[in-house]
Every structure is written in C-alpha cells, then in structure tokens.
Amino acid sequence: MSDYKGAALIINALPEANALLADKGYDADWFRDALTKRGIKVCIPSKANRKVPIPHDVMLYRKRHKIENMFGKLKDWRRVHTRYDRCAHTFMSAICIAAIIIFWINQ
C-alpha cells in the first residue's frame, strides 16, 4: 500500500502547520489539494512518473533529513523502538523524554 493511502486516514487529525515535508510516496493530487485547502504549504517532490512535475521548495526539503535522523535516534531507545507502553499517553511521554535526552547529549 502506498504512503498516501495511509495519509488519507489521518488527514483530518493533522494539527495546524505552516508546511508539510514529505517524500515522493505522498505525491498525489488529492493529497496536495487537501493540504492546500487547510492552508498548509506542500513540500513534496514529484514522482518520476508524473507527466508534468510540480516544483517544490528544495531548500525546505533539505531540512527533512533532520526529521529522519531524529526518528533514527529515537529507534535506538528500546522502550520507544518496541513500544512497550500500551497507553498512548505513556508512549508519548517516553518519546518526549528520549527526545529531550537526545537533544541534551547533542548540544
């Protein structure tokens, strides 16, 4: 299943944001339109098979690697990686604590 089909399930739950950075897997016209209607700037590169490529902000898209790096560092934490917590609130708390410590160590 492609990424944007999963995004269709959570699009109404997305918080307010200025921009959405996503990879080529989320390149769909309906998804771009839905984000634009909500006032979210879309920064998604076009898939290779798109007949007319849609331009995106290259400088903003380059910052996406920081998000990917953070997910990689969070997966080093066993509690977060294996999701021991059943309660979503407790799991989110574990993610926040891990993120704070990761930030503190990298300073």
N, C-alpha and C. Protein backbone atom coordinates (compact mmCIF):
# COMPACT_ATOMS: atom_id res chain seq x y z
N MET A 1 0.85 -1.17 0.00
CA MET A 1 0.00 0.00 0.00
C MET A 1 0.89 1.23 0.00
N SER A 2 0.54 2.20 -0.78
CA SER A 2 1.36 3.41 -0.85
C SER A 2 1.13 4.29 0.38
N ASP A 3 2.07 5.20 0.60
CA ASP A 3 2.04 6.05 1.79
C ASP A 3 0.83 6.97 1.82
N TYR A 4 0.46 7.52 0.68
CA TYR A 4 -0.61 8.50 0.70
C TYR A 4 -1.97 7.90 1.02
N LYS A 5 -2.14 6.60 0.82
CA LYS A 5 -3.40 5.96 1.21
C LYS A 5 -3.53 5.92 2.73
N GLY A 6 -2.43 5.72 3.41
CA GLY A 6 -2.44 5.79 4.88
C GLY A 6 -2.65 7.20 5.37
N ALA A 7 -2.16 8.17 4.61
CA ALA A 7 -2.33 9.58 4.98
C ALA A 7 -3.79 9.98 4.89
N ALA A 8 -4.55 9.35 4.01
CA ALA A 8 -5.97 9.67 3.86
C ALA A 8 -6.73 9.39 5.15
N LEU A 9 -6.26 8.41 5.92
CA LEU A 9 -6.94 8.05 7.15
C LEU A 9 -6.72 9.06 8.27
N ILE A 10 -5.60 9.79 8.22
CA ILE A 10 -5.27 10.71 9.31
C ILE A 10 -5.29 12.18 8.90
N ILE A 11 -5.68 12.49 7.69
CA ILE A 11 -5.58 13.87 7.21
C ILE A 11 -6.42 14.83 8.06
N ASN A 12 -7.54 14.39 8.57
CA ASN A 12 -8.37 15.26 9.40
C ASN A 12 -7.81 15.45 10.79
N ALA A 13 -6.91 14.57 11.21
CA ALA A 13 -6.32 14.66 12.54
C ALA A 13 -5.01 15.45 12.55
N LEU A 14 -4.55 15.88 11.40
CA LEU A 14 -3.29 16.63 11.35
C LEU A 14 -3.43 17.95 12.10
N PRO A 15 -2.44 18.32 12.90
CA PRO A 15 -2.51 19.62 13.58
C PRO A 15 -2.27 20.76 12.59
N GLU A 16 -2.57 21.98 13.04
CA GLU A 16 -2.31 23.13 12.19
C GLU A 16 -0.81 23.27 11.99
N ALA A 17 -0.41 23.55 10.76
CA ALA A 17 1.01 23.65 10.43
C ALA A 17 1.19 24.65 9.30
N ASN A 18 2.40 25.16 9.18
CA ASN A 18 2.72 26.06 8.07
C ASN A 18 3.08 25.29 6.81
N ALA A 19 3.77 24.16 7.00
CA ALA A 19 4.24 23.38 5.84
C ALA A 19 4.26 21.90 6.20
N LEU A 20 4.17 21.07 5.17
CA LEU A 20 4.29 19.63 5.35
C LEU A 20 5.42 19.15 4.45
N LEU A 21 6.43 18.54 5.06
CA LEU A 21 7.55 17.96 4.32
C LEU A 21 7.31 16.47 4.20
N ALA A 22 7.30 15.97 2.98
CA ALA A 22 7.05 14.55 2.78
C ALA A 22 7.86 14.07 1.58
N ASP A 23 8.04 12.74 1.52
CA ASP A 23 8.80 12.20 0.39
C ASP A 23 7.87 11.92 -0.79
N LYS A 24 8.44 11.37 -1.84
CA LYS A 24 7.70 11.16 -3.09
C LYS A 24 6.52 10.21 -2.94
N GLY A 25 6.53 9.39 -1.90
CA GLY A 25 5.44 8.46 -1.68
C GLY A 25 4.11 9.14 -1.40
N TYR A 26 4.15 10.40 -1.01
CA TYR A 26 2.93 11.16 -0.71
C TYR A 26 2.50 12.06 -1.87
N ASP A 27 3.08 11.88 -3.03
CA ASP A 27 2.76 12.71 -4.19
C ASP A 27 1.46 12.25 -4.82
N ALA A 28 0.37 12.94 -4.48
CA ALA A 28 -0.94 12.68 -5.08
C ALA A 28 -1.67 14.01 -5.15
N ASP A 29 -2.38 14.23 -6.24
CA ASP A 29 -3.08 15.50 -6.43
C ASP A 29 -4.11 15.75 -5.33
N TRP A 30 -4.89 14.73 -4.96
CA TRP A 30 -5.93 14.93 -3.95
C TRP A 30 -5.30 15.28 -2.60
N PHE A 31 -4.14 14.69 -2.30
CA PHE A 31 -3.47 14.96 -1.02
C PHE A 31 -2.94 16.39 -1.00
N ARG A 32 -2.35 16.81 -2.10
CA ARG A 32 -1.87 18.20 -2.21
C ARG A 32 -3.03 19.18 -2.08
N ASP A 33 -4.15 18.88 -2.74
CA ASP A 33 -5.32 19.77 -2.68
C ASP A 33 -5.89 19.86 -1.26
N ALA A 34 -5.96 18.72 -0.58
CA ALA A 34 -6.50 18.71 0.79
C ALA A 34 -5.62 19.53 1.73
N LEU A 35 -4.30 19.44 1.56
CA LEU A 35 -3.39 20.22 2.41
C LEU A 35 -3.49 21.71 2.08
N THR A 36 -3.59 22.03 0.81
CA THR A 36 -3.70 23.43 0.40
C THR A 36 -4.99 24.05 0.93
N LYS A 37 -6.08 23.30 0.93
CA LYS A 37 -7.35 23.80 1.47
C LYS A 37 -7.25 24.11 2.95
N ARG A 38 -6.39 23.39 3.66
CA ARG A 38 -6.19 23.63 5.09
C ARG A 38 -5.17 24.73 5.34
N GLY A 39 -4.60 25.29 4.28
CA GLY A 39 -3.63 26.37 4.42
C GLY A 39 -2.22 25.90 4.73
N ILE A 40 -1.93 24.66 4.39
CA ILE A 40 -0.61 24.08 4.65
C ILE A 40 0.21 24.11 3.36
N LYS A 41 1.41 24.67 3.45
CA LYS A 41 2.31 24.70 2.29
C LYS A 41 2.81 23.28 2.03
N VAL A 42 2.72 22.84 0.80
CA VAL A 42 3.09 21.48 0.44
C VAL A 42 4.52 21.46 -0.10
N CYS A 43 5.36 20.65 0.50
CA CYS A 43 6.74 20.49 0.04
C CYS A 43 6.97 19.00 -0.21
N ILE A 44 6.48 18.54 -1.34
CA ILE A 44 6.59 17.13 -1.73
C ILE A 44 7.16 17.09 -3.15
N PRO A 45 8.30 16.43 -3.35
CA PRO A 45 8.82 16.32 -4.71
C PRO A 45 7.93 15.41 -5.55
N SER A 46 7.89 15.67 -6.84
CA SER A 46 7.06 14.89 -7.75
C SER A 46 7.67 13.51 -7.98
N LYS A 47 6.79 12.52 -8.17
CA LYS A 47 7.26 11.18 -8.52
C LYS A 47 7.84 11.21 -9.92
N ALA A 48 8.68 10.26 -10.22
CA ALA A 48 9.35 10.20 -11.52
C ALA A 48 8.37 9.98 -12.66
N ASN A 49 7.25 9.32 -12.39
CA ASN A 49 6.30 9.01 -13.47
C ASN A 49 5.26 10.11 -13.68
N ARG A 50 5.36 11.22 -12.98
CA ARG A 50 4.41 12.33 -13.17
C ARG A 50 4.73 13.03 -14.49
N LYS A 51 3.71 13.21 -15.33
CA LYS A 51 3.92 13.80 -16.66
C LYS A 51 4.38 15.24 -16.57
N VAL A 52 3.76 16.03 -15.70
CA VAL A 52 4.16 17.43 -15.51
C VAL A 52 4.64 17.57 -14.07
N PRO A 53 5.96 17.64 -13.86
CA PRO A 53 6.48 17.74 -12.48
C PRO A 53 6.00 19.01 -11.79
N ILE A 54 5.69 18.88 -10.50
CA ILE A 54 5.26 20.02 -9.69
C ILE A 54 6.48 20.49 -8.91
N PRO A 55 6.83 21.77 -9.01
CA PRO A 55 8.01 22.25 -8.29
C PRO A 55 7.78 22.27 -6.78
N HIS A 56 8.87 22.13 -6.04
CA HIS A 56 8.82 22.18 -4.58
C HIS A 56 10.00 23.01 -4.09
N ASP A 57 9.94 23.43 -2.85
CA ASP A 57 10.99 24.24 -2.24
C ASP A 57 12.16 23.32 -1.86
N VAL A 58 13.22 23.37 -2.64
CA VAL A 58 14.36 22.47 -2.45
C VAL A 58 15.07 22.73 -1.12
N MET A 59 15.22 23.99 -0.76
CA MET A 59 15.91 24.33 0.49
C MET A 59 15.13 23.84 1.71
N LEU A 60 13.81 23.96 1.67
CA LEU A 60 12.98 23.47 2.76
C LEU A 60 13.02 21.95 2.81
N TYR A 61 13.01 21.30 1.66
CA TYR A 61 13.01 19.84 1.62
C TYR A 61 14.32 19.27 2.16
N ARG A 62 15.41 20.00 2.01
CA ARG A 62 16.70 19.52 2.53
C ARG A 62 16.69 19.40 4.05
N LYS A 63 15.85 20.15 4.71
CA LYS A 63 15.77 20.09 6.18
C LYS A 63 15.07 18.82 6.65
N ARG A 64 14.45 18.10 5.74
CA ARG A 64 13.73 16.88 6.09
C ARG A 64 14.65 15.81 6.68
N HIS A 65 15.93 15.84 6.29
CA HIS A 65 16.85 14.82 6.80
C HIS A 65 17.01 14.91 8.31
N LYS A 66 16.82 16.09 8.89
CA LYS A 66 16.90 16.23 10.35
C LYS A 66 15.78 15.45 11.03
N ILE A 67 14.61 15.46 10.42
CA ILE A 67 13.49 14.70 10.96
C ILE A 67 13.79 13.20 10.87
N GLU A 68 14.30 12.76 9.72
CA GLU A 68 14.64 11.35 9.55
C GLU A 68 15.73 10.92 10.53
N ASN A 69 16.71 11.78 10.76
CA ASN A 69 17.78 11.47 11.72
C ASN A 69 17.21 11.32 13.13
N MET A 70 16.26 12.17 13.49
CA MET A 70 15.67 12.09 14.83
C MET A 70 14.91 10.79 15.01
N PHE A 71 14.16 10.36 13.99
CA PHE A 71 13.48 9.07 14.09
C PHE A 71 14.49 7.93 14.26
N GLY A 72 15.60 8.02 13.55
CA GLY A 72 16.64 7.01 13.69
C GLY A 72 17.21 6.96 15.09
N LYS A 73 17.43 8.13 15.69
CA LYS A 73 17.96 8.19 17.06
C LYS A 73 16.93 7.70 18.07
N LEU A 74 15.66 7.99 17.84
CA LEU A 74 14.62 7.51 18.76
C LEU A 74 14.53 6.00 18.74
N LYS A 75 14.80 5.40 17.59
CA LYS A 75 14.73 3.94 17.50
C LYS A 75 15.87 3.25 18.24
N ASP A 76 16.89 4.02 18.65
CA ASP A 76 17.95 3.46 19.49
C ASP A 76 17.46 3.20 20.90
N TRP A 77 16.37 3.85 21.28
CA TRP A 77 15.79 3.66 22.60
C TRP A 77 14.86 2.46 22.56
N ARG A 78 15.21 1.43 23.31
CA ARG A 78 14.47 0.17 23.24
C ARG A 78 13.00 0.34 23.60
N ARG A 79 12.72 1.15 24.60
CA ARG A 79 11.33 1.35 25.03
C ARG A 79 10.49 1.97 23.90
N VAL A 80 11.07 2.90 23.16
CA VAL A 80 10.37 3.55 22.06
C VAL A 80 10.30 2.62 20.86
N HIS A 81 11.42 1.97 20.56
CA HIS A 81 11.51 1.11 19.37
C HIS A 81 10.50 -0.04 19.41
N THR A 82 10.36 -0.67 20.56
CA THR A 82 9.48 -1.83 20.67
C THR A 82 8.10 -1.48 21.19
N ARG A 83 7.89 -0.25 21.58
CA ARG A 83 6.63 0.26 22.12
C ARG A 83 6.07 -0.66 23.20
N TYR A 84 6.76 -0.66 24.34
CA TYR A 84 6.31 -1.45 25.48
C TYR A 84 5.00 -0.91 26.06
N ASP A 85 4.80 0.39 25.99
CA ASP A 85 3.64 1.01 26.62
C ASP A 85 2.37 0.79 25.80
N ARG A 86 1.31 0.42 26.48
CA ARG A 86 0.03 0.24 25.80
C ARG A 86 -0.73 1.55 25.71
N CYS A 87 -0.56 2.39 26.69
CA CYS A 87 -1.27 3.66 26.74
C CYS A 87 -0.55 4.67 25.84
N ALA A 88 -1.29 5.33 24.97
CA ALA A 88 -0.70 6.29 24.04
C ALA A 88 -0.05 7.46 24.78
N HIS A 89 -0.65 7.86 25.90
CA HIS A 89 -0.11 8.97 26.68
C HIS A 89 1.26 8.62 27.26
N THR A 90 1.39 7.41 27.78
CA THR A 90 2.66 6.97 28.34
C THR A 90 3.71 6.81 27.24
N PHE A 91 3.31 6.30 26.10
CA PHE A 91 4.23 6.15 24.97
C PHE A 91 4.73 7.52 24.50
N MET A 92 3.84 8.49 24.41
CA MET A 92 4.23 9.84 24.01
C MET A 92 5.18 10.45 25.03
N SER A 93 4.95 10.17 26.30
CA SER A 93 5.85 10.66 27.35
C SER A 93 7.25 10.07 27.19
N ALA A 94 7.33 8.78 26.86
CA ALA A 94 8.63 8.15 26.65
C ALA A 94 9.34 8.76 25.45
N ILE A 95 8.61 9.08 24.40
CA ILE A 95 9.20 9.73 23.22
C ILE A 95 9.74 11.10 23.60
N CYS A 96 8.97 11.86 24.37
CA CYS A 96 9.41 13.20 24.78
C CYS A 96 10.66 13.15 25.64
N ILE A 97 10.71 12.22 26.57
CA ILE A 97 11.89 12.10 27.43
C ILE A 97 13.10 11.71 26.59
N ALA A 98 12.94 10.77 25.69
CA ALA A 98 14.05 10.36 24.82
C ALA A 98 14.51 11.52 23.95
N ALA A 99 13.58 12.29 23.40
CA ALA A 99 13.94 13.43 22.55
C ALA A 99 14.70 14.49 23.33
N ILE A 100 14.29 14.74 24.56
CA ILE A 100 14.99 15.73 25.41
C ILE A 100 16.42 15.27 25.68
N ILE A 101 16.59 14.02 26.00
CA ILE A 101 17.93 13.50 26.31
C ILE A 101 18.80 13.51 25.05
N ILE A 102 18.24 13.13 23.92
CA ILE A 102 18.99 13.16 22.66
C ILE A 102 19.43 14.59 22.35
N PHE A 103 18.52 15.54 22.53
CA PHE A 103 18.86 16.95 22.29
C PHE A 103 19.95 17.41 23.25
N TRP A 104 19.85 17.03 24.52
CA TRP A 104 20.81 17.44 25.54
C TRP A 104 22.20 16.84 25.24
N ILE A 105 22.26 15.60 24.82
CA ILE A 105 23.54 14.95 24.53
C ILE A 105 24.21 15.58 23.31
N ASN A 106 23.43 15.98 22.32
CA ASN A 106 24.00 16.54 21.09
C ASN A 106 24.34 18.01 21.18
N GLN A 107 24.13 18.63 22.32
CA GLN A 107 24.48 20.06 22.47
C GLN A 107 25.93 20.25 22.75
